Amino acid sequence: KREFDEIIHNAPYLKNRYYVIYNKERSPKFPRFGLAVGKK
């Protein structure tokens, strides 16, 4: 949760009608993903 919140509050983002994608630089050699789907 702390990592999730840090990315959402401090990272740049892209958005359209269907998605909001936050992305943050880091060092390891593979991308990591978090999915958030609200109760709405």
PDB file of all heavy atoms in Angstrom:
ATOM      1  N   LYS A   1       0.816  -1.212   0.000  1.00  0.00           N
ATOM      2  CA  LYS A   1       0.000   0.000   0.000  1.00  0.00           C
ATOM      3  C   LYS A   1       0.854   1.269   0.000  1.00  0.00           C
ATOM      4  O   LYS A   1       0.561   2.223  -0.710  1.00  0.00           O
ATOM      5  CB  LYS A   1      -0.941   0.006   1.198  1.00  0.00           C
ATOM      6  CG  LYS A   1      -1.837   1.230   1.234  1.00  0.00           C
ATOM      7  CD  LYS A   1      -2.813   1.162   2.373  1.00  0.00           C
ATOM      8  CE  LYS A   1      -3.693   2.357   2.541  1.00  0.00           C
ATOM      9  NZ  LYS A   1      -3.778   3.352   1.547  1.00  0.00           N
ATOM     10  N   ARG A   2       1.927   1.277   0.795  1.00  0.00           N
ATOM     11  CA  ARG A   2       2.788   2.473   0.844  1.00  0.00           C
ATOM     12  C   ARG A   2       3.427   2.745  -0.513  1.00  0.00           C
ATOM     13  O   ARG A   2       3.496   3.881  -0.961  1.00  0.00           O
ATOM     14  CB  ARG A   2       3.862   2.311   1.905  1.00  0.00           C
ATOM     15  CG  ARG A   2       3.325   2.463   3.321  1.00  0.00           C
ATOM     16  CD  ARG A   2       4.392   2.214   4.318  1.00  0.00           C
ATOM     17  NE  ARG A   2       4.623   0.764   4.302  1.00  0.00           N
ATOM     18  CZ  ARG A   2       5.731   0.165   4.686  1.00  0.00           C
ATOM     19  NH1 ARG A   2       6.741   0.866   5.119  1.00  0.00           N
ATOM     20  NH2 ARG A   2       5.852  -1.136   4.635  1.00  0.00           N
ATOM     21  N   GLU A   3       3.884   1.705  -1.160  1.00  0.00           N
ATOM     22  CA  GLU A   3       4.496   1.850  -2.479  1.00  0.00           C
ATOM     23  C   GLU A   3       3.463   2.309  -3.511  1.00  0.00           C
ATOM     24  O   GLU A   3       3.725   3.186  -4.337  1.00  0.00           O
ATOM     25  CB  GLU A   3       5.087   0.498  -2.879  1.00  0.00           C
ATOM     26  CG  GLU A   3       6.110   0.575  -3.949  1.00  0.00           C
ATOM     27  CD  GLU A   3       6.809  -0.756  -4.152  1.00  0.00           C
ATOM     28  OE1 GLU A   3       6.467  -1.751  -3.489  1.00  0.00           O
ATOM     29  OE2 GLU A   3       7.696  -0.787  -5.011  1.00  0.00           O
ATOM     30  N   PHE A   4       2.287   1.718  -3.446  1.00  0.00           N
ATOM     31  CA  PHE A   4       1.171   2.074  -4.322  1.00  0.00           C
ATOM     32  C   PHE A   4       0.849   3.567  -4.172  1.00  0.00           C
ATOM     33  O   PHE A   4       0.754   4.302  -5.159  1.00  0.00           O
ATOM     34  CB  PHE A   4      -0.043   1.236  -3.898  1.00  0.00           C
ATOM     35  CG  PHE A   4      -0.900   0.745  -5.009  1.00  0.00           C
ATOM     36  CD1 PHE A   4      -0.644  -0.458  -5.637  1.00  0.00           C
ATOM     37  CD2 PHE A   4      -1.982   1.485  -5.421  1.00  0.00           C
ATOM     38  CE1 PHE A   4      -1.461  -0.918  -6.642  1.00  0.00           C
ATOM     39  CE2 PHE A   4      -2.814   1.033  -6.428  1.00  0.00           C
ATOM     40  CZ  PHE A   4      -2.546  -0.171  -7.042  1.00  0.00           C
ATOM     41  N   ASP A   5       0.666   4.009  -2.924  1.00  0.00           N
ATOM     42  CA  ASP A   5       0.326   5.407  -2.649  1.00  0.00           C
ATOM     43  C   ASP A   5       1.436   6.364  -3.077  1.00  0.00           C
ATOM     44  O   ASP A   5       1.165   7.442  -3.596  1.00  0.00           O
ATOM     45  CB  ASP A   5       0.022   5.607  -1.163  1.00  0.00           C
ATOM     46  CG  ASP A   5      -1.300   4.994  -0.762  1.00  0.00           C
ATOM     47  OD1 ASP A   5      -2.135   4.744  -1.659  1.00  0.00           O
ATOM     48  OD2 ASP A   5      -1.499   4.764   0.450  1.00  0.00           O
ATOM     49  N   GLU A   6       2.692   5.978  -2.855  1.00  0.00           N
ATOM     50  CA  GLU A   6       3.810   6.839  -3.245  1.00  0.00           C
ATOM     51  C   GLU A   6       3.823   7.068  -4.755  1.00  0.00           C
ATOM     52  O   GLU A   6       4.021   8.184  -5.226  1.00  0.00           O
ATOM     53  CB  GLU A   6       5.138   6.220  -2.817  1.00  0.00           C
ATOM     54  CG  GLU A   6       6.314   7.105  -3.155  1.00  0.00           C
ATOM     55  CD  GLU A   6       7.619   6.351  -3.219  1.00  0.00           C
ATOM     56  OE1 GLU A   6       7.728   5.277  -2.597  1.00  0.00           O
ATOM     57  OE2 GLU A   6       8.520   6.835  -3.910  1.00  0.00           O
ATOM     58  N   ILE A   7       3.584   6.022  -5.519  1.00  0.00           N
ATOM     59  CA  ILE A   7       3.562   6.151  -6.978  1.00  0.00           C
ATOM     60  C   ILE A   7       2.409   7.047  -7.409  1.00  0.00           C
ATOM     61  O   ILE A   7       2.574   7.947  -8.237  1.00  0.00           O
ATOM     62  CB  ILE A   7       3.477   4.760  -7.646  1.00  0.00           C
ATOM     63  CG1 ILE A   7       4.763   3.986  -7.389  1.00  0.00           C
ATOM     64  CG2 ILE A   7       3.234   4.899  -9.146  1.00  0.00           C
ATOM     65  CD1 ILE A   7       4.699   2.529  -7.796  1.00  0.00           C
ATOM     66  N   ILE A   8       1.231   6.841  -6.832  1.00  0.00           N
ATOM     67  CA  ILE A   8       0.061   7.628  -7.225  1.00  0.00           C
ATOM     68  C   ILE A   8       0.232   9.104  -6.884  1.00  0.00           C
ATOM     69  O   ILE A   8      -0.145   9.980  -7.661  1.00  0.00           O
ATOM     70  CB  ILE A   8      -1.217   7.048  -6.581  1.00  0.00           C
ATOM     71  CG1 ILE A   8      -1.577   5.738  -7.270  1.00  0.00           C
ATOM     72  CG2 ILE A   8      -2.380   8.031  -6.689  1.00  0.00           C
ATOM     73  CD1 ILE A   8      -2.733   5.003  -6.657  1.00  0.00           C
ATOM     74  N   HIS A   9       0.832   9.403  -5.741  1.00  0.00           N
ATOM     75  CA  HIS A   9       0.939  10.799  -5.315  1.00  0.00           C
ATOM     76  C   HIS A   9       2.135  11.546  -5.914  1.00  0.00           C
ATOM     77  O   HIS A   9       2.130  12.775  -5.959  1.00  0.00           O
ATOM     78  CB  HIS A   9       0.997  10.880  -3.795  1.00  0.00           C
ATOM     79  CG  HIS A   9      -0.286  10.459  -3.140  1.00  0.00           C
ATOM     80  ND1 HIS A   9      -1.477  11.109  -3.346  1.00  0.00           N
ATOM     81  CD2 HIS A   9      -0.565   9.436  -2.320  1.00  0.00           C
ATOM     82  CE1 HIS A   9      -2.434  10.517  -2.675  1.00  0.00           C
ATOM     83  NE2 HIS A   9      -1.904   9.483  -2.035  1.00  0.00           N
ATOM     84  N   ASN A  10       3.158  10.828  -6.378  1.00  0.00           N
ATOM     85  CA  ASN A  10       4.382  11.508  -6.814  1.00  0.00           C
ATOM     86  C   ASN A  10       4.780  11.278  -8.270  1.00  0.00           C
ATOM     87  O   ASN A  10       5.709  11.905  -8.751  1.00  0.00           O
ATOM     88  CB  ASN A  10       5.555  11.075  -5.920  1.00  0.00           C
ATOM     89  CG  ASN A  10       5.317  11.442  -4.476  1.00  0.00           C
ATOM     90  OD1 ASN A  10       4.741  12.482  -4.186  1.00  0.00           O
ATOM     91  ND2 ASN A  10       5.729  10.571  -3.573  1.00  0.00           N
ATOM     92  N   ALA A  11       4.108  10.396  -8.972  1.00  0.00           N
ATOM     93  CA  ALA A  11       4.551  10.033 -10.317  1.00  0.00           C
ATOM     94  C   ALA A  11       3.742  10.745 -11.392  1.00  0.00           C
ATOM     95  O   ALA A  11       2.581  11.098 -11.179  1.00  0.00           O
ATOM     96  CB  ALA A  11       4.429   8.531 -10.498  1.00  0.00           C
ATOM     97  N   PRO A  12       4.334  10.934 -12.564  1.00  0.00           N
ATOM     98  CA  PRO A  12       3.565  11.479 -13.693  1.00  0.00           C
ATOM     99  C   PRO A  12       2.548  10.453 -14.175  1.00  0.00           C
ATOM    100  O   PRO A  12       2.689   9.256 -13.910  1.00  0.00           O
ATOM    101  CB  PRO A  12       4.631  11.736 -14.755  1.00  0.00           C
ATOM    102  CG  PRO A  12       5.755  10.831 -14.397  1.00  0.00           C
ATOM    103  CD  PRO A  12       5.715  10.666 -12.913  1.00  0.00           C
ATOM    104  N   TYR A  13       1.541  10.925 -14.907  1.00  0.00           N
ATOM    105  CA  TYR A  13       0.496  10.014 -15.346  1.00  0.00           C
ATOM    106  C   TYR A  13      -0.002  10.355 -16.733  1.00  0.00           C
ATOM    107  O   TYR A  13       0.184  11.449 -17.231  1.00  0.00           O
ATOM    108  CB  TYR A  13      -0.674  10.002 -14.356  1.00  0.00           C
ATOM    109  CG  TYR A  13      -1.382  11.323 -14.222  1.00  0.00           C
ATOM    110  CD1 TYR A  13      -2.465  11.638 -15.026  1.00  0.00           C
ATOM    111  CD2 TYR A  13      -0.966  12.264 -13.289  1.00  0.00           C
ATOM    112  CE1 TYR A  13      -3.122  12.853 -14.907  1.00  0.00           C
ATOM    113  CE2 TYR A  13      -1.610  13.476 -13.167  1.00  0.00           C
ATOM    114  CZ  TYR A  13      -2.693  13.768 -13.973  1.00  0.00           C
ATOM    115  OH  TYR A  13      -3.340  14.970 -13.865  1.00  0.00           O
ATOM    116  N   LEU A  14      -0.657   9.359 -17.339  1.00  0.00           N
ATOM    117  CA  LEU A  14      -1.359   9.505 -18.616  1.00  0.00           C
ATOM    118  C   LEU A  14      -2.799   9.099 -18.347  1.00  0.00           C
ATOM    119  O   LEU A  14      -3.047   8.197 -17.550  1.00  0.00           O
ATOM    120  CB  LEU A  14      -0.775   8.549 -19.652  1.00  0.00           C
ATOM    121  CG  LEU A  14       0.695   8.675 -19.981  1.00  0.00           C
ATOM    122  CD1 LEU A  14       1.153   7.462 -20.766  1.00  0.00           C
ATOM    123  CD2 LEU A  14       0.925   9.930 -20.780  1.00  0.00           C
ATOM    124  N   LYS A  15      -3.745   9.743 -19.021  1.00  0.00           N
ATOM    125  CA  LYS A  15      -5.123   9.322 -18.809  1.00  0.00           C
ATOM    126  C   LYS A  15      -5.965   9.531 -20.051  1.00  0.00           C
ATOM    127  O   LYS A  15      -5.647  10.341 -20.915  1.00  0.00           O
ATOM    128  CB  LYS A  15      -5.750  10.044 -17.614  1.00  0.00           C
ATOM    129  CG  LYS A  15      -6.002  11.517 -17.812  1.00  0.00           C
ATOM    130  CD  LYS A  15      -6.663  12.089 -16.560  1.00  0.00           C
ATOM    131  CE  LYS A  15      -7.022  13.533 -16.779  1.00  0.00           C
ATOM    132  NZ  LYS A  15      -7.763  14.090 -15.658  1.00  0.00           N
ATOM    133  N   ASN A  16      -7.028   8.737 -20.130  1.00  0.00           N
ATOM    134  CA  ASN A  16      -8.059   8.902 -21.141  1.00  0.00           C
ATOM    135  C   ASN A  16      -9.394   8.531 -20.496  1.00  0.00           C
ATOM    136  O   ASN A  16      -9.495   8.488 -19.272  1.00  0.00           O
ATOM    137  CB  ASN A  16      -7.744   8.092 -22.402  1.00  0.00           C
ATOM    138  CG  ASN A  16      -7.753   6.598 -22.186  1.00  0.00           C
ATOM    139  OD1 ASN A  16      -8.156   6.085 -21.148  1.00  0.00           O
ATOM    140  ND2 ASN A  16      -7.276   5.873 -23.180  1.00  0.00           N
ATOM    141  N   ARG A  17     -10.406   8.225 -21.279  1.00  0.00           N
ATOM    142  CA  ARG A  17     -11.741   7.938 -20.724  1.00  0.00           C
ATOM    143  C   ARG A  17     -11.795   6.614 -19.978  1.00  0.00           C
ATOM    144  O   ARG A  17     -12.724   6.377 -19.215  1.00  0.00           O
ATOM    145  CB  ARG A  17     -12.772   7.896 -21.854  1.00  0.00           C
ATOM    146  CG  ARG A  17     -12.999   9.224 -22.515  1.00  0.00           C
ATOM    147  CD  ARG A  17     -14.037   9.128 -23.600  1.00  0.00           C
ATOM    148  NE  ARG A  17     -15.289   8.636 -23.042  1.00  0.00           N
ATOM    149  CZ  ARG A  17     -16.214   7.996 -23.750  1.00  0.00           C
ATOM    150  NH1 ARG A  17     -16.026   7.772 -25.032  1.00  0.00           N
ATOM    151  NH2 ARG A  17     -17.323   7.576 -23.181  1.00  0.00           N
ATOM    152  N   TYR A  18     -10.828   5.739 -20.195  1.00  0.00           N
ATOM    153  CA  TYR A  18     -10.901   4.387 -19.665  1.00  0.00           C
ATOM    154  C   TYR A  18      -9.843   4.062 -18.622  1.00  0.00           C
ATOM    155  O   TYR A  18     -10.057   3.181 -17.792  1.00  0.00           O
ATOM    156  CB  TYR A  18     -10.785   3.377 -20.812  1.00  0.00           C
ATOM    157  CG  TYR A  18     -11.727   3.710 -21.939  1.00  0.00           C
ATOM    158  CD1 TYR A  18     -11.269   4.277 -23.116  1.00  0.00           C
ATOM    159  CD2 TYR A  18     -13.096   3.493 -21.805  1.00  0.00           C
ATOM    160  CE1 TYR A  18     -12.135   4.599 -24.146  1.00  0.00           C
ATOM    161  CE2 TYR A  18     -13.972   3.823 -22.825  1.00  0.00           C
ATOM    162  CZ  TYR A  18     -13.486   4.376 -23.989  1.00  0.00           C
ATOM    163  OH  TYR A  18     -14.353   4.709 -24.988  1.00  0.00           O
ATOM    164  N   TYR A  19      -8.697   4.720 -18.686  1.00  0.00           N
ATOM    165  CA  TYR A  19      -7.575   4.402 -17.808  1.00  0.00           C
ATOM    166  C   TYR A  19      -6.917   5.672 -17.267  1.00  0.00           C
ATOM    167  O   TYR A  19      -6.937   6.711 -17.915  1.00  0.00           O
ATOM    168  CB  TYR A  19      -6.455   3.683 -18.581  1.00  0.00           C
ATOM    169  CG  TYR A  19      -6.852   2.443 -19.310  1.00  0.00           C
ATOM    170  CD1 TYR A  19      -7.041   2.455 -20.688  1.00  0.00           C
ATOM    171  CD2 TYR A  19      -6.992   1.243 -18.641  1.00  0.00           C
ATOM    172  CE1 TYR A  19      -7.372   1.305 -21.378  1.00  0.00           C
ATOM    173  CE2 TYR A  19      -7.322   0.079 -19.325  1.00  0.00           C
ATOM    174  CZ  TYR A  19      -7.510   0.122 -20.680  1.00  0.00           C
ATOM    175  OH  TYR A  19      -7.839  -1.018 -21.355  1.00  0.00           O
ATOM    176  N   VAL A  20      -6.252   5.508 -16.124  1.00  0.00           N
ATOM    177  CA  VAL A  20      -5.256   6.461 -15.652  1.00  0.00           C
ATOM    178  C   VAL A  20      -4.031   5.598 -15.364  1.00  0.00           C
ATOM    179  O   VAL A  20      -4.122   4.606 -14.631  1.00  0.00           O
ATOM    180  CB  VAL A  20      -5.689   7.184 -14.360  1.00  0.00           C
ATOM    181  CG1 VAL A  20      -4.590   8.125 -13.897  1.00  0.00           C
ATOM    182  CG2 VAL A  20      -6.984   7.940 -14.566  1.00  0.00           C
ATOM    183  N   ILE A  21      -2.903   5.932 -15.975  1.00  0.00           N
ATOM    184  CA  ILE A  21      -1.687   5.137 -15.806  1.00  0.00           C
ATOM    185  C   ILE A  21      -0.596   6.014 -15.208  1.00  0.00           C
ATOM    186  O   ILE A  21      -0.150   6.970 -15.827  1.00  0.00           O
ATOM    187  CB  ILE A  21      -1.208   4.539 -17.142  1.00  0.00           C
ATOM    188  CG1 ILE A  21      -2.299   3.665 -17.740  1.00  0.00           C
ATOM    189  CG2 ILE A  21       0.078   3.753 -16.939  1.00  0.00           C
ATOM    190  CD1 ILE A  21      -1.969   3.101 -19.095  1.00  0.00           C
ATOM    191  N   TYR A  22      -0.184   5.671 -13.993  1.00  0.00           N
ATOM    192  CA  TYR A  22       0.931   6.340 -13.329  1.00  0.00           C
ATOM    193  C   TYR A  22       2.173   5.513 -13.602  1.00  0.00           C
ATOM    194  O   TYR A  22       2.117   4.281 -13.601  1.00  0.00           O
ATOM    195  CB  TYR A  22       0.704   6.395 -11.814  1.00  0.00           C
ATOM    196  CG  TYR A  22      -0.446   7.276 -11.399  1.00  0.00           C
ATOM    197  CD1 TYR A  22      -1.734   6.773 -11.308  1.00  0.00           C
ATOM    198  CD2 TYR A  22      -0.232   8.609 -11.108  1.00  0.00           C
ATOM    199  CE1 TYR A  22      -2.794   7.582 -10.929  1.00  0.00           C
ATOM    200  CE2 TYR A  22      -1.278   9.429 -10.724  1.00  0.00           C
ATOM    201  CZ  TYR A  22      -2.557   8.908 -10.638  1.00  0.00           C
ATOM    202  OH  TYR A  22      -3.599   9.719 -10.267  1.00  0.00           O
ATOM    203  N   ASN A  23       3.313   6.195 -13.827  1.00  0.00           N
ATOM    204  CA  ASN A  23       4.553   5.446 -14.024  1.00  0.00           C
ATOM    205  C   ASN A  23       5.695   6.118 -13.292  1.00  0.00           C
ATOM    206  O   ASN A  23       5.796   7.331 -13.253  1.00  0.00           O
ATOM    207  CB  ASN A  23       4.878   5.283 -15.506  1.00  0.00           C
ATOM    208  CG  ASN A  23       4.934   6.589 -16.229  1.00  0.00           C
ATOM    209  OD1 ASN A  23       5.668   7.474 -15.839  1.00  0.00           O
ATOM    210  ND2 ASN A  23       4.157   6.714 -17.279  1.00  0.00           N
ATOM    211  N   LYS A  24       6.536   5.302 -12.678  1.00  0.00           N
ATOM    212  CA  LYS A  24       7.649   5.809 -11.880  1.00  0.00           C
ATOM    213  C   LYS A  24       8.908   5.033 -12.227  1.00  0.00           C
ATOM    214  O   LYS A  24       8.885   3.813 -12.332  1.00  0.00           O
ATOM    215  CB  LYS A  24       7.330   5.647 -10.396  1.00  0.00           C
ATOM    216  CG  LYS A  24       8.406   6.175  -9.502  1.00  0.00           C
ATOM    217  CD  LYS A  24       8.077   5.951  -8.057  1.00  0.00           C
ATOM    218  CE  LYS A  24       9.242   6.420  -7.217  1.00  0.00           C
ATOM    219  NZ  LYS A  24       9.203   5.876  -5.890  1.00  0.00           N
ATOM    220  N   GLU A  25      10.001   5.760 -12.389  1.00  0.00           N
ATOM    221  CA  GLU A  25      11.290   5.136 -12.695  1.00  0.00           C
ATOM    222  C   GLU A  25      11.789   4.326 -11.507  1.00  0.00           C
ATOM    223  O   GLU A  25      11.570   4.684 -10.356  1.00  0.00           O
ATOM    224  CB  GLU A  25      12.342   6.218 -13.013  1.00  0.00           C
ATOM    225  CG  GLU A  25      12.150   6.920 -14.324  1.00  0.00           C
ATOM    226  CD  GLU A  25      12.488   6.057 -15.525  1.00  0.00           C
ATOM    227  OE1 GLU A  25      13.329   5.140 -15.407  1.00  0.00           O
ATOM    228  OE2 GLU A  25      11.907   6.292 -16.582  1.00  0.00           O
ATOM    229  N   ARG A  26      12.477   3.222 -11.815  1.00  0.00           N
ATOM    230  CA  ARG A  26      13.155   2.423 -10.798  1.00  0.00           C
ATOM    231  C   ARG A  26      14.249   1.614 -11.455  1.00  0.00           C
ATOM    232  O   ARG A  26      14.365   1.589 -12.668  1.00  0.00           O
ATOM    233  CB  ARG A  26      12.181   1.551 -10.028  1.00  0.00           C
ATOM    234  CG  ARG A  26      11.537   0.483 -10.861  1.00  0.00           C
ATOM    235  CD  ARG A  26      10.518  -0.286 -10.048  1.00  0.00           C
ATOM    236  NE  ARG A  26      10.207  -1.516 -10.740  1.00  0.00           N
ATOM    237  CZ  ARG A  26      10.882  -2.644 -10.616  1.00  0.00           C
ATOM    238  NH1 ARG A  26      11.894  -2.717  -9.796  1.00  0.00           N
ATOM    239  NH2 ARG A  26      10.544  -3.706 -11.302  1.00  0.00           N
ATOM    240  N   SER A  27      15.047   0.884 -10.678  1.00  0.00           N
ATOM    241  CA  SER A  27      16.245   0.268 -11.239  1.00  0.00           C
ATOM    242  C   SER A  27      16.128  -1.179 -11.733  1.00  0.00           C
ATOM    243  O   SER A  27      16.838  -1.535 -12.652  1.00  0.00           O
ATOM    244  CB  SER A  27      17.386   0.354 -10.225  1.00  0.00           C
ATOM    245  OG  SER A  27      17.016  -0.298  -9.047  1.00  0.00           O
ATOM    246  N   PRO A  28      15.336  -2.083 -11.173  1.00  0.00           N
ATOM    247  CA  PRO A  28      15.357  -3.473 -11.664  1.00  0.00           C
ATOM    248  C   PRO A  28      15.052  -3.627 -13.154  1.00  0.00           C
ATOM    249  O   PRO A  28      14.607  -2.696 -13.803  1.00  0.00           O
ATOM    250  CB  PRO A  28      14.293  -4.161 -10.812  1.00  0.00           C
ATOM    251  CG  PRO A  28      14.282  -3.379  -9.557  1.00  0.00           C
ATOM    252  CD  PRO A  28      14.517  -1.957  -9.984  1.00  0.00           C
ATOM    253  N   LYS A  29      15.237  -4.833 -13.653  1.00  0.00           N
ATOM    254  CA  LYS A  29      15.211  -5.074 -15.090  1.00  0.00           C
ATOM    255  C   LYS A  29      13.868  -5.545 -15.643  1.00  0.00           C
ATOM    256  O   LYS A  29      13.810  -6.098 -16.722  1.00  0.00           O
ATOM    257  CB  LYS A  29      16.267  -6.112 -15.418  1.00  0.00           C
ATOM    258  CG  LYS A  29      17.657  -5.640 -15.077  1.00  0.00           C
ATOM    259  CD  LYS A  29      18.669  -6.684 -15.412  1.00  0.00           C
ATOM    260  CE  LYS A  29      20.046  -6.130 -15.193  1.00  0.00           C
ATOM    261  NZ  LYS A  29      20.815  -6.774 -14.201  1.00  0.00           N
ATOM    262  N   PHE A  30      12.809  -5.357 -14.909  1.00  0.00           N
ATOM    263  CA  PHE A  30      11.494  -5.758 -15.403  1.00  0.00           C
ATOM    264  C   PHE A  30      10.458  -4.766 -14.885  1.00  0.00           C
ATOM    265  O   PHE A  30      10.627  -4.195 -13.815  1.00  0.00           O
ATOM    266  CB  PHE A  30      11.145  -7.183 -14.954  1.00  0.00           C
ATOM    267  CG  PHE A  30      11.227  -7.387 -13.474  1.00  0.00           C
ATOM    268  CD1 PHE A  30      10.135  -7.141 -12.669  1.00  0.00           C
ATOM    269  CD2 PHE A  30      12.408  -7.805 -12.889  1.00  0.00           C
ATOM    270  CE1 PHE A  30      10.203  -7.314 -11.302  1.00  0.00           C
ATOM    271  CE2 PHE A  30      12.491  -7.985 -11.525  1.00  0.00           C
ATOM    272  CZ  PHE A  30      11.386  -7.730 -10.721  1.00  0.00           C
ATOM    273  N   PRO A  31       9.400  -4.538 -15.660  1.00  0.00           N
ATOM    274  CA  PRO A  31       8.354  -3.619 -15.186  1.00  0.00           C
ATOM    275  C   PRO A  31       7.494  -4.298 -14.118  1.00  0.00           C
ATOM    276  O   PRO A  31       7.358  -5.520 -14.102  1.00  0.00           O
ATOM    277  CB  PRO A  31       7.531  -3.337 -16.442  1.00  0.00           C
ATOM    278  CG  PRO A  31       7.732  -4.536 -17.290  1.00  0.00           C
ATOM    279  CD  PRO A  31       9.119  -5.030 -16.996  1.00  0.00           C
ATOM    280  N   ARG A  32       6.928  -3.488 -13.214  1.00  0.00           N
ATOM    281  CA  ARG A  32       5.993  -4.005 -12.222  1.00  0.00           C
ATOM    282  C   ARG A  32       4.669  -3.266 -12.399  1.00  0.00           C
ATOM    283  O   ARG A  32       4.650  -2.121 -12.836  1.00  0.00           O
ATOM    284  CB  ARG A  32       6.512  -3.802 -10.805  1.00  0.00           C
ATOM    285  CG  ARG A  32       7.741  -4.625 -10.521  1.00  0.00           C
ATOM    286  CD  ARG A  32       8.139  -4.595  -9.083  1.00  0.00           C
ATOM    287  NE  ARG A  32       8.112  -3.243  -8.550  1.00  0.00           N
ATOM    288  CZ  ARG A  32       8.091  -2.961  -7.246  1.00  0.00           C
ATOM    289  NH1 ARG A  32       8.081  -3.920  -6.357  1.00  0.00           N
ATOM    290  NH2 ARG A  32       8.077  -1.720  -6.843  1.00  0.00           N
ATOM    291  N   PHE A  33       3.583  -3.931 -12.029  1.00  0.00           N
ATOM    292  CA  PHE A  33       2.256  -3.390 -12.274  1.00  0.00           C
ATOM    293  C   PHE A  33       1.390  -3.470 -11.032  1.00  0.00           C
ATOM    294  O   PHE A  33       1.471  -4.422 -10.266  1.00  0.00           O
ATOM    295  CB  PHE A  33       1.556  -4.181 -13.398  1.00  0.00           C
ATOM    296  CG  PHE A  33       2.330  -4.221 -14.665  1.00  0.00           C
ATOM    297  CD1 PHE A  33       3.178  -5.282 -14.947  1.00  0.00           C
ATOM    298  CD2 PHE A  33       2.229  -3.191 -15.576  1.00  0.00           C
ATOM    299  CE1 PHE A  33       3.907  -5.323 -16.117  1.00  0.00           C
ATOM    300  CE2 PHE A  33       2.947  -3.220 -16.752  1.00  0.00           C
ATOM    301  CZ  PHE A  33       3.794  -4.275 -17.022  1.00  0.00           C
ATOM    302  N   GLY A  34       0.532  -2.465 -10.885  1.00  0.00           N
ATOM    303  CA  GLY A  34      -0.502  -2.479  -9.868  1.00  0.00           C
ATOM    304  C   GLY A  34      -1.812  -2.133 -10.557  1.00  0.00           C
ATOM    305  O   GLY A  34      -1.852  -1.242 -11.410  1.00  0.00           O
ATOM    306  N   LEU A  35      -2.862  -2.834 -10.212  1.00  0.00           N
ATOM    307  CA  LEU A  35      -4.174  -2.573 -10.807  1.00  0.00           C
ATOM    308  C   LEU A  35      -5.108  -2.069  -9.724  1.00  0.00           C
ATOM    309  O   LEU A  35      -5.146  -2.627  -8.626  1.00  0.00           O
ATOM    310  CB  LEU A  35      -4.757  -3.845 -11.421  1.00  0.00           C
ATOM    311  CG  LEU A  35      -3.993  -4.443 -12.587  1.00  0.00           C
ATOM    312  CD1 LEU A  35      -4.635  -5.749 -13.007  1.00  0.00           C
ATOM    313  CD2 LEU A  35      -3.972  -3.482 -13.752  1.00  0.00           C
ATOM    314  N   ALA A  36      -5.873  -1.035 -10.049  1.00  0.00           N
ATOM    315  CA  ALA A  36      -6.857  -0.497  -9.107  1.00  0.00           C
ATOM    316  C   ALA A  36      -8.198  -0.403  -9.826  1.00  0.00           C
ATOM    317  O   ALA A  36      -8.310   0.208 -10.886  1.00  0.00           O
ATOM    318  CB  ALA A  36      -6.427   0.874  -8.616  1.00  0.00           C
ATOM    319  N   VAL A  37      -9.195  -1.048  -9.221  1.00  0.00           N
ATOM    320  CA  VAL A  37     -10.551  -1.028  -9.771  1.00  0.00           C
ATOM    321  C   VAL A  37     -11.466  -0.620  -8.631  1.00  0.00           C
ATOM    322  O   VAL A  37     -11.591  -1.335  -7.642  1.00  0.00           O
ATOM    323  CB  VAL A  37     -10.961  -2.416 -10.310  1.00  0.00           C
ATOM    324  CG1 VAL A  37     -12.345  -2.349 -10.920  1.00  0.00           C
ATOM    325  CG2 VAL A  37      -9.952  -2.914 -11.326  1.00  0.00           C
ATOM    326  N   GLY A  38     -12.094   0.552  -8.762  1.00  0.00           N
ATOM    327  CA  GLY A  38     -12.946   1.066  -7.699  1.00  0.00           C
ATOM    328  C   GLY A  38     -14.296   0.379  -7.625  1.00  0.00           C
ATOM    329  O   GLY A  38     -14.722  -0.321  -8.544  1.00  0.00           O
ATOM    330  N   LYS A  39     -14.979   0.596  -6.521  1.00  0.00           N
ATOM    331  CA  LYS A  39     -16.289  -0.024  -6.310  1.00  0.00           C
ATOM    332  C   LYS A  39     -17.359   0.533  -7.241  1.00  0.00           C
ATOM    333  O   LYS A  39     -18.411  -0.070  -7.395  1.00  0.00           O
ATOM    334  CB  LYS A  39     -16.717   0.143  -4.859  1.00  0.00           C
ATOM    335  CG  LYS A  39     -15.922  -0.739  -3.933  1.00  0.00           C
ATOM    336  CD  LYS A  39     -16.486  -0.701  -2.537  1.00  0.00           C
ATOM    337  CE  LYS A  39     -15.724  -1.648  -1.654  1.00  0.00           C
ATOM    338  NZ  LYS A  39     -16.273  -1.712  -0.302  1.00  0.00           N
ATOM    339  N   LYS A  40     -17.106   1.673  -7.858  1.00  0.00           N
ATOM    340  CA  LYS A  40     -18.064   2.236  -8.815  1.00  0.00           C
ATOM    341  C   LYS A  40     -18.208   1.350 -10.050  1.00  0.00           C
ATOM    342  O   LYS A  40     -19.198   1.427 -10.762  1.00  0.00           O
ATOM    343  CB  LYS A  40     -17.627   3.629  -9.263  1.00  0.00           C
ATOM    344  CG  LYS A  40     -17.751   4.686  -8.204  1.00  0.00           C
ATOM    345  CD  LYS A  40     -17.319   6.028  -8.756  1.00  0.00           C
ATOM    346  CE  LYS A  40     -17.386   7.102  -7.707  1.00  0.00           C
ATOM    347  NZ  LYS A  40     -16.953   8.396  -8.226  1.00  0.00           N
TER     348      LYS A  40
END
